[in-house]
C-alpha atoms as a PDB file:
ATOM      1  CA  MET A   1     -43.345 109.587 -82.915  1.00  0.00           C
ATOM      2  CA  PRO A   2     -44.485 109.628 -79.257  1.00  0.00           C
ATOM      3  CA  PRO A   3     -46.753 112.547 -78.297  1.00  0.00           C
ATOM      4  CA  ARG A   4     -45.186 115.600 -76.724  1.00  0.00           C
ATOM      5  CA  PRO A   5     -44.801 115.097 -72.949  1.00  0.00           C
ATOM      6  CA  ARG A   6     -47.323 116.985 -70.867  1.00  0.00           C
ATOM      7  CA  GLY A   7     -46.490 118.221 -67.387  1.00  0.00           C
ATOM      8  CA  GLU A   8     -43.868 120.015 -65.352  1.00  0.00           C
ATOM      9  CA  VAL A   9     -40.637 118.939 -63.694  1.00  0.00           C
ATOM     10  CA  THR A  10     -41.255 118.206 -59.999  1.00  0.00           C
ATOM     11  CA  ARG A  11     -38.855 118.098 -57.064  1.00  0.00           C
ATOM     12  CA  GLY A  12     -38.235 114.404 -57.603  1.00  0.00           C
ATOM     13  CA  THR A  13     -37.477 113.456 -54.008  1.00  0.00           C
ATOM     14  CA  THR A  14     -37.817 109.768 -53.179  1.00  0.00           C
ATOM     15  CA  ASN A  15     -36.607 107.076 -50.813  1.00  0.00           C
ATOM     16  CA  PRO A  16     -36.347 103.279 -50.914  1.00  0.00           C
ATOM     17  CA  ASN A  17     -39.596 101.583 -49.832  1.00  0.00           C
ATOM     18  CA  ARG A  18     -41.444 104.898 -49.876  1.00  0.00           C
ATOM     19  CA  LEU A  19     -44.255 103.439 -52.019  1.00  0.00           C
ATOM     20  CA  ARG A  20     -44.406  99.942 -50.526  1.00  0.00           C
ATOM     21  CA  ARG A  21     -47.943 100.443 -49.210  1.00  0.00           C
ATOM     22  CA  VAL A  22     -49.434 101.422 -52.542  1.00  0.00           C
ATOM     23  CA  ASP A  23     -47.449  98.640 -54.271  1.00  0.00           C
ATOM     24  CA  ARG A  24     -48.880  96.093 -51.846  1.00  0.00           C
ATOM     25  CA  TRP A  25     -52.379  97.382 -52.599  1.00  0.00           C
ATOM     26  CA  ILE A  26     -51.786  97.176 -56.358  1.00  0.00           C
ATOM     27  CA  THR A  27     -50.813  93.515 -56.105  1.00  0.00           C
ATOM     28  CA  TRP A  28     -54.150  92.909 -54.357  1.00  0.00           C
ATOM     29  CA  ARG A  29     -56.587  95.219 -56.147  1.00  0.00           C
ATOM     30  CA  CYS A  30     -55.111  94.885 -59.643  1.00  0.00           C
ATOM     31  CA  ARG A  31     -54.293  91.173 -59.587  1.00  0.00           C
ATOM     32  CA  GLY A  32     -56.903  90.450 -62.238  1.00  0.00           C
ATOM     33  CA  LEU A  33     -55.465  93.065 -64.591  1.00  0.00           C
ATOM     34  CA  LEU A  34     -51.947  91.759 -64.010  1.00  0.00           C
ATOM     35  CA  THR A  35     -52.877  88.166 -64.828  1.00  0.00           C
ATOM     36  CA  ALA A  36     -55.454  88.705 -67.592  1.00  0.00           C
ATOM     37  CA  VAL A  37     -52.796  88.957 -70.295  1.00  0.00           C
ATOM     38  CA  ASP A  38     -49.376  87.399 -70.766  1.00  0.00           C
ATOM     39  CA  GLU A  39     -47.357  90.618 -70.518  1.00  0.00           C
ATOM     40  CA  PRO A  40     -49.381  93.347 -68.747  1.00  0.00           C
ATOM     41  CA  LEU A  41     -48.035  96.884 -68.949  1.00  0.00           C
ATOM     42  CA  VAL A  42     -47.694  99.102 -65.877  1.00  0.00           C
ATOM     43  CA  VAL A  43     -46.518 102.722 -65.950  1.00  0.00           C
ATOM     44  CA  ASP A  44     -44.811 104.465 -63.032  1.00  0.00           C
ATOM     45  CA  LEU A  45     -45.299 108.153 -63.757  1.00  0.00           C
ATOM     46  CA  GLY A  46     -42.821 110.646 -62.315  1.00  0.00           C
ATOM     47  CA  PHE A  47     -40.294 108.281 -60.738  1.00  0.00           C
ATOM     48  CA  GLY A  48     -38.151 111.204 -59.638  1.00  0.00           C
ATOM     49  CA  ALA A  49     -34.445 111.731 -59.131  1.00  0.00           C
ATOM     50  CA  SER A  50     -33.888 108.031 -58.393  1.00  0.00           C
ATOM     51  CA  PRO A  51     -35.509 105.031 -60.101  1.00  0.00           C
ATOM     52  CA  ILE A  52     -35.475 102.958 -56.901  1.00  0.00           C
ATOM     53  CA  THR A  53     -39.242 102.911 -56.369  1.00  0.00           C
ATOM     54  CA  THR A  54     -39.788 101.858 -59.996  1.00  0.00           C
ATOM     55  CA  LEU A  55     -37.375  98.950 -59.529  1.00  0.00           C
ATOM     56  CA  GLU A  56     -39.241  97.990 -56.373  1.00  0.00           C
ATOM     57  CA  LEU A  57     -42.570  98.161 -58.208  1.00  0.00           C
ATOM     58  CA  ARG A  58     -41.335  95.757 -60.863  1.00  0.00           C
ATOM     59  CA  GLN A  59     -40.019  93.347 -58.204  1.00  0.00           C
ATOM     60  CA  ARG A  60     -43.289  93.352 -56.287  1.00  0.00           C
ATOM     61  CA  LEU A  61     -45.513  92.946 -59.336  1.00  0.00           C
ATOM     62  CA  ALA A  62     -43.315  90.127 -60.658  1.00  0.00           C
ATOM     63  CA  ALA A  63     -44.523  88.056 -57.710  1.00  0.00           C
ATOM     64  CA  VAL A  64     -48.011  88.255 -59.247  1.00  0.00           C
ATOM     65  CA  ASN A  65     -46.916  87.842 -62.879  1.00  0.00           C
ATOM     66  CA  PRO A  66     -43.203  87.459 -63.681  1.00  0.00           C
ATOM     67  CA  ARG A  67     -43.862  88.777 -67.188  1.00  0.00           C
ATOM     68  CA  VAL A  68     -45.276  92.135 -66.131  1.00  0.00           C
ATOM     69  CA  ARG A  69     -43.641  95.042 -67.981  1.00  0.00           C
ATOM     70  CA  VAL A  70     -42.981  98.250 -66.031  1.00  0.00           C
ATOM     71  CA  VAL A  71     -42.100 101.542 -67.734  1.00  0.00           C
ATOM     72  CA  GLY A  72     -40.876 104.440 -65.605  1.00  0.00           C
ATOM     73  CA  LEU A  73     -41.744 107.808 -67.144  1.00  0.00           C
ATOM     74  CA  GLU A  74     -40.162 111.149 -66.311  1.00  0.00           C
ATOM     75  CA  ILE A  75     -40.544 114.548 -67.943  1.00  0.00           C
ATOM     76  CA  ASP A  76     -36.980 115.417 -66.888  1.00  0.00           C
ATOM     77  CA  ARG A  77     -34.673 113.914 -69.539  1.00  0.00           C
ATOM     78  CA  SER A  78     -31.659 113.929 -67.220  1.00  0.00           C
ATOM     79  CA  ARG A  79     -33.508 111.648 -64.787  1.00  0.00           C
ATOM     80  CA  VAL A  80     -34.357 109.251 -67.596  1.00  0.00           C
ATOM     81  CA  ALA A  81     -30.722 109.162 -68.692  1.00  0.00           C
ATOM     82  CA  ALA A  82     -29.564 108.484 -65.120  1.00  0.00           C
ATOM     83  CA  ALA A  83     -32.049 105.605 -64.793  1.00  0.00           C
ATOM     84  CA  LYS A  84     -31.158 103.905 -68.095  1.00  0.00           C
ATOM     85  CA  PRO A  85     -28.305 101.778 -66.621  1.00  0.00           C
ATOM     86  CA  MET A  86     -30.879 100.143 -64.319  1.00  0.00           C
ATOM     87  CA  GLU A  87     -33.026  98.873 -67.197  1.00  0.00           C
ATOM     88  CA  ASP A  88     -33.822  95.195 -67.652  1.00  0.00           C
ATOM     89  CA  PRO A  89     -35.559  95.077 -71.060  1.00  0.00           C
ATOM     90  CA  PRO A  90     -38.293  94.250 -71.775  1.00  0.00           C
ATOM     91  CA  TRP A  91     -39.473  93.967 -68.178  1.00  0.00           C
ATOM     92  CA  LEU A  92     -38.147  97.268 -66.855  1.00  0.00           C
ATOM     93  CA  THR A  93     -37.464 100.328 -69.006  1.00  0.00           C
ATOM     94  CA  PHE A  94     -37.366 104.109 -68.599  1.00  0.00           C
ATOM     95  CA  ALA A  95     -38.608 106.749 -71.021  1.00  0.00           C
ATOM     96  CA  HIS A  96     -39.346 110.436 -71.447  1.00  0.00           C
ATOM     97  CA  GLY A  97     -43.017 111.189 -70.888  1.00  0.00           C
ATOM     98  CA  GLY A  98     -45.704 112.928 -68.877  1.00  0.00           C
ATOM     99  CA  PHE A  99     -49.455 112.753 -68.391  1.00  0.00           C
ATOM    100  CA  GLU A 100     -49.956 111.547 -71.964  1.00  0.00           C
ATOM    101  CA  LEU A 101     -48.062 108.384 -70.876  1.00  0.00           C
ATOM    102  CA  ALA A 102     -45.745 108.528 -73.898  1.00  0.00           C
ATOM    103  CA  GLY A 103     -48.379 106.960 -76.121  1.00  0.00           C
ATOM    104  CA  LEU A 104     -48.518 103.773 -74.055  1.00  0.00           C
ATOM    105  CA  ARG A 105     -51.752 101.937 -73.160  1.00  0.00           C
ATOM    106  CA  PRO A 106     -51.080 100.553 -69.679  1.00  0.00           C
ATOM    107  CA  ALA A 107     -53.335  98.401 -67.539  1.00  0.00           C
ATOM    108  CA  VAL A 108     -52.178 100.200 -64.380  1.00  0.00           C
ATOM    109  CA  VAL A 109     -50.671 103.641 -63.795  1.00  0.00           C
ATOM    110  CA  ARG A 110     -49.052 104.606 -60.500  1.00  0.00           C
ATOM    111  CA  ALA A 111     -48.756 108.400 -60.204  1.00  0.00           C
ATOM    112  CA  LEU A 112     -47.646 109.133 -56.653  1.00  0.00           C
ATOM    113  CA  ASN A 113     -46.329 112.478 -55.387  1.00  0.00           C
ATOM    114  CA  VAL A 114     -46.779 114.122 -58.783  1.00  0.00           C
ATOM    115  CA  LEU A 115     -49.962 116.206 -58.739  1.00  0.00           C
ATOM    116  CA  ARG A 116     -49.285 117.311 -55.166  1.00  0.00           C
ATOM    117  CA  GLN A 117     -46.855 119.832 -56.619  1.00  0.00           C
ATOM    118  CA  TYR A 118     -49.391 121.258 -59.092  1.00  0.00           C
ATOM    119  CA  ASP A 119     -52.195 123.774 -58.654  1.00  0.00           C
ATOM    120  CA  GLU A 120     -55.552 122.144 -57.988  1.00  0.00           C
ATOM    121  CA  SER A 121     -56.860 123.654 -61.220  1.00  0.00           C
ATOM    122  CA  ALA A 122     -54.539 121.332 -63.173  1.00  0.00           C
ATOM    123  CA  VAL A 123     -55.806 118.118 -61.571  1.00  0.00           C
ATOM    124  CA  ALA A 124     -58.912 117.434 -63.669  1.00  0.00           C
ATOM    125  CA  GLY A 125     -57.018 117.900 -66.915  1.00  0.00           C
ATOM    126  CA  ALA A 126     -54.194 115.620 -65.815  1.00  0.00           C
ATOM    127  CA  TRP A 127     -56.687 112.944 -64.765  1.00  0.00           C
ATOM    128  CA  ALA A 128     -58.482 113.161 -68.107  1.00  0.00           C
ATOM    129  CA  THR A 129     -55.243 112.862 -70.062  1.00  0.00           C
ATOM    130  CA  MET A 130     -54.022 109.838 -68.101  1.00  0.00           C
ATOM    131  CA  ARG A 131     -57.450 108.193 -68.054  1.00  0.00           C
ATOM    132  CA  GLY A 132     -57.691 108.557 -71.824  1.00  0.00           C
ATOM    133  CA  ALA A 133     -54.417 106.668 -72.244  1.00  0.00           C
ATOM    134  CA  LEU A 134     -55.420 103.661 -70.126  1.00  0.00           C
ATOM    135  CA  SER A 135     -56.272 100.298 -71.598  1.00  0.00           C
ATOM    136  CA  ASP A 136     -59.993  99.551 -71.814  1.00  0.00           C
ATOM    137  CA  SER A 137     -60.212  98.220 -68.248  1.00  0.00           C
ATOM    138  CA  GLY A 138     -57.191 100.050 -66.849  1.00  0.00           C
ATOM    139  CA  ILE A 139     -56.811 101.733 -63.461  1.00  0.00           C
ATOM    140  CA  LEU A 140     -55.021 104.928 -62.443  1.00  0.00           C
ATOM    141  CA  LEU A 141     -53.764 105.323 -58.881  1.00  0.00           C
ATOM    142  CA  GLU A 142     -52.965 108.917 -57.947  1.00  0.00           C
ATOM    143  CA  GLY A 143     -51.978 110.196 -54.535  1.00  0.00           C
ATOM    144  CA  THR A 144     -49.236 111.166 -52.147  1.00  0.00           C
ATOM    145  CA  CYS A 145     -47.270 110.012 -49.114  1.00  0.00           C
ATOM    146  CA  ASP A 146     -44.755 111.256 -46.593  1.00  0.00           C
ATOM    147  CA  GLU A 147     -41.014 110.969 -47.188  1.00  0.00           C
ATOM    148  CA  LEU A 148     -40.716 107.538 -45.548  1.00  0.00           C
ATOM    149  CA  GLY A 149     -43.996 106.109 -46.795  1.00  0.00           C
ATOM    150  CA  ARG A 150     -45.498 105.788 -43.316  1.00  0.00           C
ATOM    151  CA  ILE A 151     -48.593 107.806 -44.265  1.00  0.00           C
ATOM    152  CA  CYS A 152     -49.999 107.315 -47.755  1.00  0.00           C
ATOM    153  CA  THR A 153     -53.275 108.178 -49.483  1.00  0.00           C
ATOM    154  CA  TRP A 154     -54.412 107.555 -53.019  1.00  0.00           C
ATOM    155  CA  ILE A 155     -57.473 107.544 -55.215  1.00  0.00           C
ATOM    156  CA  THR A 156     -58.382 105.178 -58.031  1.00  0.00           C
ATOM    157  CA  ILE A 157     -59.774 106.236 -61.371  1.00  0.00           C
ATOM    158  CA  GLU A 158     -61.031 103.581 -63.763  1.00  0.00           C
ATOM    159  CA  ALA A 159     -60.916 103.832 -67.539  1.00  0.00           C
ATOM    160  CA  GLY A 160     -64.165 105.319 -68.788  1.00  0.00           C
ATOM    161  CA  ALA A 161     -65.127 106.788 -65.400  1.00  0.00           C
ATOM    162  CA  SER A 162     -65.605 110.530 -65.108  1.00  0.00           C
ATOM    163  CA  GLU A 163     -64.803 110.653 -61.399  1.00  0.00           C
ATOM    164  CA  PRO A 164     -62.531 108.758 -58.984  1.00  0.00           C
ATOM    165  CA  THR A 165     -64.119 105.642 -57.527  1.00  0.00           C
ATOM    166  CA  SER A 166     -62.308 105.225 -54.215  1.00  0.00           C
ATOM    167  CA  LEU A 167     -59.989 106.730 -51.618  1.00  0.00           C
ATOM    168  CA  THR A 168     -57.470 104.581 -49.733  1.00  0.00           C
ATOM    169  CA  LEU A 169     -55.754 105.576 -46.510  1.00  0.00           C
ATOM    170  CA  ALA A 170     -52.726 103.533 -45.416  1.00  0.00           C
ATOM    171  CA  ALA A 171     -50.377 103.961 -42.475  1.00  0.00           C
ATOM    172  CA  LYS A 172     -47.673 102.347 -40.422  1.00  0.00           C
ATOM    173  CA  LEU A 173     -49.890 101.798 -37.403  1.00  0.00           C
ATOM    174  CA  SER A 174     -47.095 101.786 -34.841  1.00  0.00           C
ATOM    175  CA  THR A 175     -46.407 105.450 -35.676  1.00  0.00           C
ATOM    176  CA  LEU A 176     -49.994 106.636 -36.226  1.00  0.00           C
ATOM    177  CA  ASP A 177     -51.012 109.239 -33.630  1.00  0.00           C
ATOM    178  CA  SER A 178     -54.453 109.903 -35.100  1.00  0.00           C
ATOM    179  CA  PRO A 179     -56.313 109.378 -38.391  1.00  0.00           C
ATOM    180  CA  LEU A 180     -56.299 113.169 -38.687  1.00  0.00           C
ATOM    181  CA  THR A 181     -52.640 112.791 -39.691  1.00  0.00           C
ATOM    182  CA  PHE A 182     -53.871 111.669 -43.118  1.00  0.00           C
ATOM    183  CA  ALA A 183     -55.051 115.232 -43.727  1.00  0.00           C
ATOM    184  CA  GLU A 184     -51.465 116.347 -44.368  1.00  0.00           C
ATOM    185  CA  ARG A 185     -51.058 113.869 -47.223  1.00  0.00           C
ATOM    186  CA  LEU A 186     -54.413 113.876 -48.968  1.00  0.00           C
ATOM    187  CA  PRO A 187     -54.391 113.884 -52.780  1.00  0.00           C
ATOM    188  CA  LYS A 188     -54.385 117.321 -54.375  1.00  0.00           C
ATOM    189  CA  SER A 189     -58.068 117.055 -55.280  1.00  0.00           C
ATOM    190  CA  LEU A 190     -59.004 116.712 -51.595  1.00  0.00           C
ATOM    191  CA  ILE A 191     -56.374 118.410 -49.459  1.00  0.00           C
ATOM    192  CA  HIS A 192     -57.845 121.914 -49.794  1.00  0.00           C
ATOM    193  CA  HIS A 193     -61.377 120.635 -49.154  1.00  0.00           C
ATOM    194  CA  ASN A 194     -60.763 119.163 -45.720  1.00  0.00           C
ATOM    195  CA  VAL A 195     -63.027 121.678 -44.011  1.00  0.00           C
ATOM    196  CA  PRO A 196     -66.046 121.159 -41.743  1.00  0.00           C
ATOM    197  CA  GLY A 197     -69.040 119.915 -43.694  1.00  0.00           C
ATOM    198  CA  ALA A 198     -67.017 118.594 -46.641  1.00  0.00           C
ATOM    199  CA  PRO A 199     -67.180 114.851 -47.414  1.00  0.00           C
ATOM    200  CA  VAL A 200     -63.465 114.182 -46.855  1.00  0.00           C
ATOM    201  CA  HIS A 201     -63.606 116.029 -43.539  1.00  0.00           C
ATOM    202  CA  ARG A 202     -66.469 113.779 -42.457  1.00  0.00           C
ATOM    203  CA  VAL A 203     -64.417 110.689 -43.352  1.00  0.00           C
ATOM    204  CA  LEU A 204     -61.399 111.761 -41.298  1.00  0.00           C
ATOM    205  CA  SER A 205     -63.537 113.008 -38.425  1.00  0.00           C
ATOM    206  CA  ALA A 206     -65.443 109.714 -38.242  1.00  0.00           C
ATOM    207  CA  LEU A 207     -62.183 107.760 -38.154  1.00  0.00           C
ATOM    208  CA  ASP A 208     -60.681 110.033 -35.536  1.00  0.00           C
ATOM    209  CA  ALA A 209     -63.745 109.828 -33.284  1.00  0.00           C
ATOM    210  CA  ALA A 210     -63.696 106.036 -33.526  1.00  0.00           C
ATOM    211  CA  TRP A 211     -59.926 106.040 -32.890  1.00  0.00           C
ATOM    212  CA  GLN A 212     -60.424 107.995 -29.678  1.00  0.00           C
ATOM    213  CA  ARG A 213     -63.198 105.649 -28.533  1.00  0.00           C
ATOM    214  CA  ALA A 214     -60.957 102.676 -29.264  1.00  0.00           C
ATOM    215  CA  ALA A 215     -58.115 104.004 -27.097  1.00  0.00           C
ATOM    216  CA  PRO A 216     -58.608 101.341 -24.372  1.00  0.00           C
ATOM    217  CA  ILE A 217     -58.078  98.639 -26.986  1.00  0.00           C
ATOM    218  CA  GLY A 218     -54.666 100.127 -27.665  1.00  0.00           C
ATOM    219  CA  VAL A 219     -53.265  98.011 -24.833  1.00  0.00           C
ATOM    220  CA  PHE A 220     -53.526  95.088 -27.259  1.00  0.00           C
ATOM    221  CA  GLY A 221     -51.504  96.962 -29.878  1.00  0.00           C
ATOM    222  CA  PRO A 222     -52.126  99.542 -32.599  1.00  0.00           C
ATOM    223  CA  ARG A 223     -53.416  96.954 -35.052  1.00  0.00           C
ATOM    224  CA  GLN A 224     -56.275  95.961 -32.763  1.00  0.00           C
ATOM    225  CA  ARG A 225     -57.060  99.617 -32.134  1.00  0.00           C
ATOM    226  CA  TRP A 226     -57.169 100.316 -35.879  1.00  0.00           C
ATOM    227  CA  LEU A 227     -59.404  97.299 -36.557  1.00  0.00           C
ATOM    228  CA  GLU A 228     -61.869  98.530 -33.963  1.00  0.00           C
ATOM    229  CA  THR A 229     -61.602 102.059 -35.329  1.00  0.00           C
ATOM    230  CA  VAL A 230     -62.576 101.115 -38.864  1.00  0.00           C
ATOM    231  CA  ARG A 231     -65.226  98.635 -37.710  1.00  0.00           C
ATOM    232  CA  THR A 232     -67.008 101.233 -35.562  1.00  0.00           C
ATOM    233  CA  SER A 233     -66.407 104.332 -37.688  1.00  0.00           C
ATOM    234  CA  GLY A 234     -69.599 103.984 -39.707  1.00  0.00           C
ATOM    235  CA  LEU A 235     -67.695 104.340 -42.971  1.00  0.00           C
ATOM    236  CA  ASN A 236     -68.943 102.615 -46.110  1.00  0.00           C
ATOM    237  CA  THR A 237     -65.800 100.577 -46.745  1.00  0.00           C
ATOM    238  CA  LEU A 238     -64.878  98.773 -49.950  1.00  0.00           C
ATOM    239  CA  ASP A 239     -62.534  96.293 -48.268  1.00  0.00           C
ATOM    240  CA  GLY A 240     -62.530  94.239 -45.096  1.00  0.00           C
ATOM    241  CA  PRO A 241     -60.578  93.178 -42.014  1.00  0.00           C
ATOM    242  CA  ALA A 242     -57.861  91.448 -44.048  1.00  0.00           C
ATOM    243  CA  ARG A 243     -56.876  94.844 -45.480  1.00  0.00           C
ATOM    244  CA  TRP A 244     -57.568  96.790 -42.278  1.00  0.00           C
ATOM    245  CA  ARG A 245     -55.032  94.598 -40.482  1.00  0.00           C
ATOM    246  CA  LEU A 246     -52.404  96.049 -42.820  1.00  0.00           C
ATOM    247  CA  GLY A 247     -53.213  99.575 -41.717  1.00  0.00           C
ATOM    248  CA  GLU A 248     -55.449 100.328 -44.700  1.00  0.00           C
ATOM    249  CA  VAL A 249     -59.014 101.325 -45.346  1.00  0.00           C
ATOM    250  CA  THR A 250     -60.643 101.962 -48.717  1.00  0.00           C
ATOM    251  CA  SER A 251     -63.947 103.801 -49.050  1.00  0.00           C
ATOM    252  CA  PRO A 252     -65.881 105.455 -51.903  1.00  0.00           C
ATOM    253  CA  TYR A 253     -64.322 108.687 -53.140  1.00  0.00           C
ATOM    254  CA  PRO A 254     -65.640 111.496 -50.919  1.00  0.00           C
ATOM    255  CA  SER A 255     -67.031 113.846 -53.566  1.00  0.00           C
END
């Protein structure tokens, strides 16, 4: 019998393509995990009132490995029932579950816009529960985004690690007014700590200062301005220009 689901019902709002930026990052960062075995398992936790972003996740990961299996988990049974007609077993299925991941041992977990609706005091316990359910080399991605997916932030937690390893910021550059906009969509573990002197505040402030200095380069387009911003920000980045060109930057978790 699967373990009892752990968690609370969230608002469940979603939109098509809302999670395209994190999905694109998964296909890059987790490619090794998705190709190491014949049928890798990926869990989409808290898919919400519509399963559309879970369907999109399966489609995008299939380009890396057509035999990837995606399971959408929801603690709300009515949402699971509504998603069932969209199943394509064994590659895409939906089930009742929460932070315990329904007893599954996935290589990758995507948990977007879930913990944002919890108290910060619940975050560490939720991380520990999900991390404990990962496969030996699995990765958890946890974060949040705006309603259209134009601003998105997430952290990564690796199996066996006690703390997150990285923070990724991703944006649609043509609509980005300032890197300070990321502050509104930081993961729950960081959003209340964006105060002067705190590590995450220093990250956003460094990006914003570099963004302002790079304003003259904006005549060549927002992508060139963002490239110059990241390059001159002084951040210790874990990626490079190929990812920056997509409107991303990944740096060590600001703890």
